[in-house]
N, C-alpha and C. Protein backbone atom coordinates (compact mmCIF):
# COMPACT_ATOMS: atom_id res chain seq x y z
N MET A 1 152.59 -23.07 -43.71
CA MET A 1 151.88 -24.05 -44.82
C MET A 1 150.55 -23.79 -45.15
N GLY A 2 150.27 -23.89 -46.28
CA GLY A 2 148.91 -24.09 -46.46
C GLY A 2 148.28 -25.50 -46.51
N THR A 3 146.86 -25.19 -46.01
CA THR A 3 146.44 -27.11 -45.60
C THR A 3 146.61 -27.61 -46.83
N SER A 4 146.31 -26.99 -48.06
CA SER A 4 146.71 -28.05 -49.61
C SER A 4 148.26 -28.51 -49.49
N LEU A 5 149.09 -28.41 -48.99
CA LEU A 5 150.39 -28.86 -48.56
C LEU A 5 150.25 -29.61 -48.08
N LEU A 6 149.23 -29.99 -47.03
CA LEU A 6 149.50 -31.52 -46.38
C LEU A 6 148.12 -32.08 -46.63
N CYS A 7 147.49 -31.83 -47.91
CA CYS A 7 146.47 -32.88 -48.45
C CYS A 7 147.43 -34.15 -48.91
N TRP A 8 147.09 -34.61 -49.51
CA TRP A 8 147.79 -36.06 -50.29
C TRP A 8 146.81 -36.94 -50.66
N VAL A 9 147.47 -36.98 -52.04
CA VAL A 9 146.61 -37.37 -53.20
C VAL A 9 147.20 -39.05 -53.89
N VAL A 10 146.28 -39.45 -52.78
CA VAL A 10 146.43 -41.15 -53.13
C VAL A 10 145.82 -41.76 -54.21
N ILE A 11 146.69 -42.73 -55.23
CA ILE A 11 145.99 -43.27 -56.08
C ILE A 11 145.93 -44.75 -55.64
N TRP A 12 145.12 -45.47 -56.28
CA TRP A 12 144.83 -46.85 -55.98
C TRP A 12 144.84 -47.27 -56.81
N LEU A 13 145.60 -48.57 -57.47
CA LEU A 13 144.96 -49.02 -58.20
C LEU A 13 144.62 -51.02 -58.02
N LEU A 14 143.95 -51.14 -57.80
CA LEU A 14 143.49 -52.27 -57.02
C LEU A 14 143.73 -53.02 -58.03
N GLY A 15 144.82 -54.39 -57.48
CA GLY A 15 145.20 -55.63 -58.66
C GLY A 15 146.39 -54.96 -59.67
N THR A 16 147.80 -54.88 -58.75
CA THR A 16 148.41 -54.98 -60.13
C THR A 16 148.44 -55.98 -60.85
N GLY A 17 147.65 -57.70 -60.85
CA GLY A 17 148.11 -59.08 -61.72
C GLY A 17 146.89 -58.53 -62.42
N SER A 18 146.96 -59.65 -63.41
CA SER A 18 145.88 -59.33 -64.80
C SER A 18 145.09 -59.18 -64.43
N THR A 19 143.82 -58.74 -64.97
CA THR A 19 142.25 -59.40 -65.00
C THR A 19 142.56 -60.69 -65.76
N ASN A 20 141.07 -61.11 -65.59
CA ASN A 20 141.29 -62.92 -66.77
C ASN A 20 141.39 -62.08 -68.45
N ALA A 21 141.36 -61.00 -68.58
CA ALA A 21 141.63 -60.50 -69.72
C ALA A 21 142.90 -60.24 -70.24
N GLY A 22 143.64 -59.64 -69.12
CA GLY A 22 145.17 -59.59 -69.55
C GLY A 22 145.29 -57.72 -69.81
N VAL A 23 144.88 -57.45 -68.76
CA VAL A 23 145.22 -56.25 -68.81
C VAL A 23 145.64 -55.75 -67.37
N THR A 24 146.29 -55.13 -67.28
CA THR A 24 147.12 -54.51 -66.02
C THR A 24 147.81 -53.27 -66.04
N GLN A 25 146.84 -52.85 -64.67
CA GLN A 25 146.84 -51.06 -64.66
C GLN A 25 148.02 -51.04 -63.28
N ASN A 26 148.71 -50.60 -62.80
CA ASN A 26 150.21 -50.58 -62.45
C ASN A 26 150.34 -48.82 -62.00
N PRO A 27 150.99 -48.10 -60.48
CA PRO A 27 150.84 -49.14 -59.07
C PRO A 27 149.79 -49.60 -58.99
N ARG A 28 149.72 -50.58 -57.95
CA ARG A 28 148.79 -50.56 -57.07
C ARG A 28 148.60 -49.33 -56.38
N HIS A 29 149.20 -48.26 -55.40
CA HIS A 29 149.45 -47.94 -54.92
C HIS A 29 150.53 -46.67 -55.02
N LEU A 30 149.64 -45.05 -55.20
CA LEU A 30 150.52 -44.77 -55.32
C LEU A 30 150.07 -42.78 -54.56
N VAL A 31 151.09 -42.91 -53.73
CA VAL A 31 150.88 -41.71 -52.54
C VAL A 31 151.77 -40.43 -53.28
N ARG A 32 150.97 -39.26 -53.08
CA ARG A 32 151.36 -37.84 -53.83
C ARG A 32 151.05 -37.00 -52.95
N ARG A 33 151.62 -36.07 -52.78
CA ARG A 33 151.06 -34.46 -52.38
C ARG A 33 150.23 -33.46 -53.47
N THR A 34 149.43 -32.87 -53.15
CA THR A 34 148.88 -32.17 -54.04
C THR A 34 150.37 -31.37 -54.60
N GLY A 35 150.15 -31.56 -56.30
CA GLY A 35 151.13 -30.59 -56.66
C GLY A 35 152.42 -31.53 -57.62
N GLN A 36 151.99 -32.40 -56.88
CA GLN A 36 153.35 -33.22 -57.66
C GLN A 36 152.38 -33.61 -58.70
N GLU A 37 153.34 -34.59 -59.19
CA GLU A 37 152.55 -35.63 -60.35
C GLU A 37 152.73 -36.99 -59.78
N ALA A 38 151.06 -37.74 -60.77
CA ALA A 38 150.53 -39.15 -60.68
C ALA A 38 151.21 -39.60 -61.66
N ILE A 39 151.48 -40.63 -62.01
CA ILE A 39 151.56 -41.86 -63.09
C ILE A 39 151.19 -43.09 -63.24
N LEU A 40 149.98 -43.07 -63.88
CA LEU A 40 149.18 -44.37 -64.33
C LEU A 40 150.31 -45.09 -65.47
N THR A 41 150.25 -46.53 -65.45
CA THR A 41 150.45 -47.09 -66.44
C THR A 41 148.94 -47.82 -66.93
N CYS A 42 149.00 -48.87 -67.64
CA CYS A 42 147.96 -50.04 -68.06
C CYS A 42 149.13 -50.71 -69.07
N SER A 43 148.31 -51.57 -69.31
CA SER A 43 149.63 -52.76 -70.13
C SER A 43 148.20 -53.65 -70.55
N PRO A 44 148.37 -53.23 -71.81
CA PRO A 44 146.69 -53.77 -72.71
C PRO A 44 146.68 -55.60 -72.35
N GLU A 45 145.57 -56.12 -72.77
CA GLU A 45 145.91 -57.50 -73.65
C GLU A 45 146.33 -58.03 -74.84
N LYS A 46 147.49 -59.37 -75.03
CA LYS A 46 148.16 -59.15 -75.80
C LYS A 46 147.54 -58.99 -77.48
N GLY A 47 147.87 -58.42 -77.66
CA GLY A 47 147.76 -57.90 -79.29
C GLY A 47 146.56 -57.16 -79.72
N HIS A 48 146.64 -56.41 -78.69
CA HIS A 48 145.70 -55.05 -78.20
C HIS A 48 146.51 -53.91 -78.57
N SER A 49 145.68 -53.25 -79.20
CA SER A 49 147.05 -52.06 -79.28
C SER A 49 146.20 -50.92 -79.49
N TYR A 50 144.60 -50.84 -79.27
CA TYR A 50 143.68 -49.55 -78.43
C TYR A 50 143.60 -49.89 -76.90
N PHE A 51 143.29 -47.84 -76.88
CA PHE A 51 143.31 -48.20 -75.45
C PHE A 51 142.57 -47.00 -75.07
N TYR A 52 141.20 -47.52 -73.79
CA TYR A 52 140.20 -46.25 -73.24
C TYR A 52 140.69 -45.68 -71.87
N TRP A 53 140.89 -44.58 -71.21
CA TRP A 53 140.86 -44.38 -70.45
C TRP A 53 139.43 -43.77 -69.31
N TYR A 54 139.03 -43.76 -68.53
CA TYR A 54 137.47 -43.93 -68.21
C TYR A 54 137.86 -43.01 -66.32
N GLN A 55 137.33 -42.03 -65.62
CA GLN A 55 137.02 -41.71 -65.06
C GLN A 55 136.36 -41.91 -64.08
N GLN A 56 135.65 -42.45 -62.79
CA GLN A 56 135.07 -42.38 -62.10
C GLN A 56 134.93 -41.86 -60.66
N PHE A 57 134.34 -40.62 -60.09
CA PHE A 57 133.86 -39.97 -59.03
C PHE A 57 132.91 -40.70 -58.28
N LEU A 58 133.19 -40.82 -56.99
CA LEU A 58 132.60 -41.46 -56.21
C LEU A 58 131.18 -40.98 -56.13
N GLY A 59 130.40 -41.98 -55.83
CA GLY A 59 129.13 -41.53 -56.41
C GLY A 59 128.42 -41.60 -57.68
N GLU A 60 129.83 -41.62 -58.69
CA GLU A 60 128.87 -40.81 -60.06
C GLU A 60 129.31 -42.54 -61.16
N GLY A 61 128.98 -42.32 -62.28
CA GLY A 61 129.00 -43.81 -62.69
C GLY A 61 130.61 -43.16 -64.13
N LEU A 62 130.50 -43.76 -64.70
CA LEU A 62 132.10 -43.99 -65.25
C LEU A 62 131.75 -42.62 -66.67
N LYS A 63 132.72 -42.11 -66.32
CA LYS A 63 133.24 -41.09 -67.35
C LYS A 63 134.38 -41.11 -68.03
N PHE A 64 133.92 -40.87 -69.95
CA PHE A 64 135.09 -41.52 -70.60
C PHE A 64 135.87 -40.35 -70.67
N MET A 65 137.09 -40.53 -70.96
CA MET A 65 138.51 -39.25 -71.01
C MET A 65 138.89 -39.49 -72.62
N ILE A 66 139.52 -39.89 -72.89
CA ILE A 66 140.37 -40.24 -74.20
C ILE A 66 139.90 -42.41 -74.46
N TYR A 67 140.71 -42.01 -75.81
CA TYR A 67 140.78 -43.13 -76.61
C TYR A 67 141.87 -43.00 -77.61
N LEU A 68 143.17 -44.30 -77.17
CA LEU A 68 144.23 -43.67 -78.30
C LEU A 68 144.54 -45.45 -78.76
N GLN A 69 145.08 -45.01 -80.08
CA GLN A 69 145.40 -46.32 -80.72
C GLN A 69 146.83 -46.28 -80.71
N LYS A 70 147.76 -46.54 -80.12
CA LYS A 70 148.82 -46.30 -79.34
C LYS A 70 149.21 -45.20 -78.92
N GLU A 71 150.28 -44.25 -80.04
CA GLU A 71 150.88 -42.09 -79.04
C GLU A 71 149.55 -42.09 -80.25
N THR A 72 148.33 -42.61 -81.34
CA THR A 72 147.64 -41.69 -81.80
C THR A 72 146.26 -41.72 -81.05
N ILE A 73 145.84 -40.06 -81.27
CA ILE A 73 144.86 -39.52 -79.91
C ILE A 73 143.66 -39.84 -81.08
N LEU A 74 143.04 -40.32 -80.99
CA LEU A 74 141.48 -40.25 -81.51
C LEU A 74 139.89 -40.60 -81.12
N ASP A 75 139.70 -40.13 -79.96
CA ASP A 75 138.91 -39.21 -78.91
C ASP A 75 139.35 -39.13 -77.74
N GLN A 76 139.46 -37.56 -77.46
CA GLN A 76 140.54 -36.43 -76.69
C GLN A 76 138.37 -36.33 -75.55
N SER A 77 137.51 -36.46 -76.22
CA SER A 77 136.27 -35.68 -75.64
C SER A 77 136.33 -35.70 -74.36
N GLY A 78 136.53 -36.24 -73.19
CA GLY A 78 136.63 -36.28 -72.05
C GLY A 78 137.82 -35.80 -71.13
N MET A 79 139.00 -35.50 -71.89
CA MET A 79 139.88 -35.56 -71.21
C MET A 79 140.14 -34.48 -70.74
N PRO A 80 140.49 -34.01 -69.09
CA PRO A 80 140.57 -32.52 -68.88
C PRO A 80 141.34 -31.72 -69.43
N LYS A 81 141.35 -30.11 -70.24
CA LYS A 81 142.57 -29.67 -70.71
C LYS A 81 144.07 -29.59 -70.18
N LYS A 82 143.28 -29.40 -69.33
CA LYS A 82 144.78 -28.95 -68.22
C LYS A 82 145.91 -30.12 -67.84
N ARG A 83 146.39 -30.31 -67.29
CA ARG A 83 147.10 -30.78 -66.43
C ARG A 83 147.04 -32.81 -66.51
N PHE A 84 146.46 -32.74 -67.24
CA PHE A 84 145.88 -35.02 -68.04
C PHE A 84 146.66 -34.73 -69.17
N SER A 85 147.41 -35.54 -69.37
CA SER A 85 148.10 -35.75 -70.28
C SER A 85 148.38 -37.70 -70.46
N THR A 86 149.23 -38.09 -71.89
CA THR A 86 148.61 -39.28 -71.94
C THR A 86 150.20 -39.57 -73.10
N GLU A 87 151.03 -40.47 -72.86
CA GLU A 87 152.01 -41.54 -73.56
C GLU A 87 151.56 -42.44 -74.10
N PHE A 88 152.63 -43.22 -74.96
CA PHE A 88 152.72 -44.70 -75.24
C PHE A 88 154.08 -45.09 -75.14
N SER A 89 154.05 -46.39 -74.35
CA SER A 89 155.74 -46.38 -74.12
C SER A 89 156.69 -47.22 -74.99
N GLU A 90 157.72 -47.14 -75.29
CA GLU A 90 158.12 -48.24 -76.20
C GLU A 90 157.88 -50.14 -76.44
N ASP A 91 157.44 -50.12 -74.77
CA ASP A 91 157.27 -51.68 -74.38
C ASP A 91 155.68 -51.83 -73.70
N GLY A 92 155.08 -50.99 -74.71
CA GLY A 92 153.68 -50.28 -75.30
C GLY A 92 152.29 -50.86 -74.15
N LEU A 93 152.85 -49.45 -72.91
CA LEU A 93 152.08 -49.44 -72.42
C LEU A 93 151.35 -48.01 -72.29
N SER A 94 150.25 -48.26 -72.19
CA SER A 94 149.42 -46.62 -72.16
C SER A 94 149.75 -45.94 -71.06
N ILE A 95 150.39 -44.64 -70.65
CA ILE A 95 150.35 -44.12 -69.61
C ILE A 95 149.99 -42.52 -69.63
N LEU A 96 149.14 -42.47 -67.92
CA LEU A 96 147.97 -41.11 -68.24
C LEU A 96 148.96 -40.41 -67.11
N LYS A 97 149.21 -39.43 -66.81
CA LYS A 97 149.45 -38.53 -66.21
C LYS A 97 149.10 -37.41 -65.68
N ILE A 98 148.94 -36.88 -64.26
CA ILE A 98 148.39 -36.13 -63.80
C ILE A 98 149.18 -34.75 -63.69
N GLN A 99 149.63 -33.53 -63.67
CA GLN A 99 150.48 -32.50 -63.40
C GLN A 99 150.05 -31.59 -63.37
N PRO A 100 149.99 -30.99 -62.84
CA PRO A 100 149.63 -31.36 -60.81
C PRO A 100 148.54 -32.01 -60.85
N ALA A 101 148.72 -33.13 -59.84
CA ALA A 101 147.44 -33.81 -59.05
C ALA A 101 147.09 -32.26 -58.15
N GLU A 102 145.54 -32.22 -58.27
CA GLU A 102 144.77 -31.51 -57.60
C GLU A 102 143.53 -32.39 -56.54
N LEU A 103 143.05 -32.02 -55.80
CA LEU A 103 142.30 -32.21 -54.52
C LEU A 103 140.79 -32.84 -55.85
N GLY A 104 140.30 -32.04 -56.61
CA GLY A 104 139.46 -31.87 -57.49
C GLY A 104 139.84 -33.55 -58.71
N ASP A 105 140.99 -33.99 -58.63
CA ASP A 105 141.12 -35.60 -59.62
C ASP A 105 140.56 -37.04 -58.33
N SER A 106 140.54 -36.17 -57.27
CA SER A 106 139.95 -37.86 -56.61
C SER A 106 138.99 -38.16 -56.75
N ALA A 107 139.28 -39.69 -57.97
CA ALA A 107 138.65 -40.56 -58.38
C ALA A 107 138.88 -41.68 -58.92
N VAL A 108 138.33 -42.71 -59.60
CA VAL A 108 138.68 -43.89 -59.60
C VAL A 108 139.22 -44.15 -61.20
N TYR A 109 140.05 -44.51 -61.55
CA TYR A 109 140.50 -44.33 -62.84
C TYR A 109 140.21 -45.91 -63.06
N PHE A 110 139.91 -46.40 -64.72
CA PHE A 110 139.94 -47.35 -65.53
C PHE A 110 140.63 -47.21 -66.89
N CYS A 111 140.94 -48.25 -67.34
CA CYS A 111 141.82 -48.73 -68.10
C CYS A 111 141.62 -49.62 -69.01
N ALA A 112 141.09 -49.76 -70.70
CA ALA A 112 140.53 -50.92 -70.99
C ALA A 112 141.08 -51.05 -72.60
N SER A 113 141.20 -51.98 -72.70
CA SER A 113 141.99 -52.04 -74.01
C SER A 113 141.07 -52.79 -75.38
N THR A 114 141.31 -53.05 -76.38
CA THR A 114 140.89 -53.51 -77.52
C THR A 114 141.48 -53.27 -78.58
N GLU A 115 141.57 -54.89 -79.62
CA GLU A 115 141.64 -54.54 -80.55
C GLU A 115 141.06 -54.78 -82.11
N ALA A 116 141.57 -54.07 -83.07
CA ALA A 116 140.68 -53.76 -84.18
C ALA A 116 141.34 -54.47 -84.91
N THR A 117 139.66 -55.35 -85.57
CA THR A 117 140.38 -56.24 -86.86
C THR A 117 140.20 -55.46 -88.58
N SER A 118 140.01 -56.43 -89.13
CA SER A 118 140.22 -56.06 -90.58
C SER A 118 138.33 -55.45 -91.17
N MET A 119 137.49 -56.19 -90.54
CA MET A 119 136.72 -55.62 -90.16
C MET A 119 135.59 -54.42 -89.60
N GLN A 120 137.09 -53.67 -88.98
CA GLN A 120 137.11 -52.28 -88.45
C GLN A 120 137.57 -51.51 -88.83
N SER A 121 137.76 -50.48 -88.58
CA SER A 121 138.18 -48.98 -89.03
C SER A 121 138.13 -48.81 -87.39
N PRO A 122 139.35 -47.40 -87.04
CA PRO A 122 139.39 -46.63 -85.93
C PRO A 122 138.12 -45.42 -85.76
N ILE A 123 137.65 -45.39 -86.66
CA ILE A 123 136.52 -44.28 -86.28
C ILE A 123 135.20 -45.28 -86.29
N LEU A 124 135.45 -46.40 -86.87
CA LEU A 124 134.17 -46.97 -86.64
C LEU A 124 134.43 -47.27 -84.55
N SER A 125 135.40 -47.85 -84.74
CA SER A 125 135.38 -47.91 -82.87
C SER A 125 135.55 -46.73 -82.00
N MET A 126 135.76 -45.70 -82.69
CA MET A 126 135.51 -45.09 -81.68
C MET A 126 134.22 -44.24 -81.37
N HIS A 127 133.53 -44.73 -82.13
CA HIS A 127 131.58 -44.75 -81.26
C HIS A 127 131.59 -46.03 -81.28
N LYS A 128 132.02 -46.86 -80.41
CA LYS A 128 131.62 -48.49 -79.60
C LYS A 128 132.06 -48.32 -78.84
N ARG A 129 131.75 -46.76 -77.52
CA ARG A 129 132.60 -47.36 -76.60
C ARG A 129 132.51 -49.21 -76.02
N PRO A 130 133.09 -49.39 -75.08
CA PRO A 130 132.97 -50.37 -74.59
C PRO A 130 131.32 -49.95 -72.97
N PRO A 131 130.74 -51.05 -72.80
CA PRO A 131 129.72 -50.54 -71.71
C PRO A 131 130.36 -50.65 -70.10
N CYS A 132 130.02 -50.31 -70.04
CA CYS A 132 130.64 -49.92 -68.01
C CYS A 132 130.87 -51.30 -67.76
N PRO A 133 131.78 -51.23 -67.15
CA PRO A 133 132.12 -53.25 -67.01
C PRO A 133 131.79 -53.56 -65.71
N THR A 134 131.26 -54.73 -65.29
CA THR A 134 130.55 -55.15 -63.91
C THR A 134 131.53 -56.77 -63.71
N SER A 135 131.88 -57.01 -62.46
CA SER A 135 132.33 -57.86 -62.15
C SER A 135 132.04 -59.54 -63.35
N GLU A 136 131.61 -59.72 -63.22
CA GLU A 136 130.71 -60.48 -64.42
C GLU A 136 131.17 -60.34 -65.53
N THR A 137 131.32 -58.86 -66.49
CA THR A 137 130.70 -58.69 -67.41
C THR A 137 133.17 -57.47 -67.32
N ALA A 138 133.95 -57.67 -66.55
CA ALA A 138 135.15 -57.22 -67.25
C ALA A 138 136.13 -57.84 -67.68
N VAL A 139 135.80 -58.24 -68.61
CA VAL A 139 136.93 -58.63 -69.60
C VAL A 139 137.46 -57.92 -70.67
N GLY A 140 138.59 -57.50 -70.84
CA GLY A 140 139.28 -56.71 -71.59
C GLY A 140 139.70 -55.15 -70.47
N TRP A 141 139.02 -55.31 -69.55
CA TRP A 141 139.61 -53.86 -68.20
C TRP A 141 140.39 -54.04 -67.06
N GLY A 142 141.13 -53.21 -66.93
CA GLY A 142 142.03 -53.04 -65.78
C GLY A 142 141.47 -53.03 -64.49
N ARG A 143 141.70 -53.73 -63.22
CA ARG A 143 141.28 -53.57 -62.53
C ARG A 143 141.15 -51.83 -61.39
N GLU A 144 140.20 -51.93 -61.23
CA GLU A 144 139.88 -50.28 -60.89
C GLU A 144 141.11 -49.26 -60.57
N GLY A 145 141.42 -48.21 -60.20
CA GLY A 145 141.50 -47.65 -59.42
C GLY A 145 141.34 -46.26 -58.59
N GLY A 146 142.43 -45.30 -57.87
CA GLY A 146 141.62 -44.12 -57.25
C GLY A 146 142.07 -43.40 -57.00
N THR A 147 141.78 -42.79 -56.78
CA THR A 147 142.24 -41.24 -56.43
C THR A 147 141.78 -40.84 -54.89
N SER A 148 142.55 -40.10 -53.72
CA SER A 148 141.74 -40.17 -52.86
C SER A 148 142.59 -39.00 -51.57
N PHE A 149 142.13 -38.32 -50.69
CA PHE A 149 143.37 -37.53 -50.61
C PHE A 149 142.48 -37.59 -48.83
N ASP A 150 143.82 -37.31 -48.03
CA ASP A 150 143.24 -38.00 -46.58
C ASP A 150 144.01 -36.32 -45.92
């Protein structure tokens, strides 16, 4: 067997409970072999219908992946073109799928949600991504999660 079959994809979603803003990411831990599917879910704050997904590699800053309103993709300029996809569930969750997971997917994944008001349009909102969260400003952000290999 090749060594790649022995590598494990470990997805850490630290904090399965709500943050102070109500965004929840699940599962807390997900272990997959390379080549298997990894599924991450994001439950938004009540009343929010816009989702952001970010990826952060070890030692680097947040990298924007995708911005959606429910199932409608508004900006996917940072989304890997292959193996990554999103779905919207009937119960209001944003789902990020990685199929098949690879060693290079090892990262921390963040989800954020927001609501649009009558004063905003999705096009304007697209260009107003939230700032990188800190422990003091993590309103509307799910707790971080990550992918690593043993």
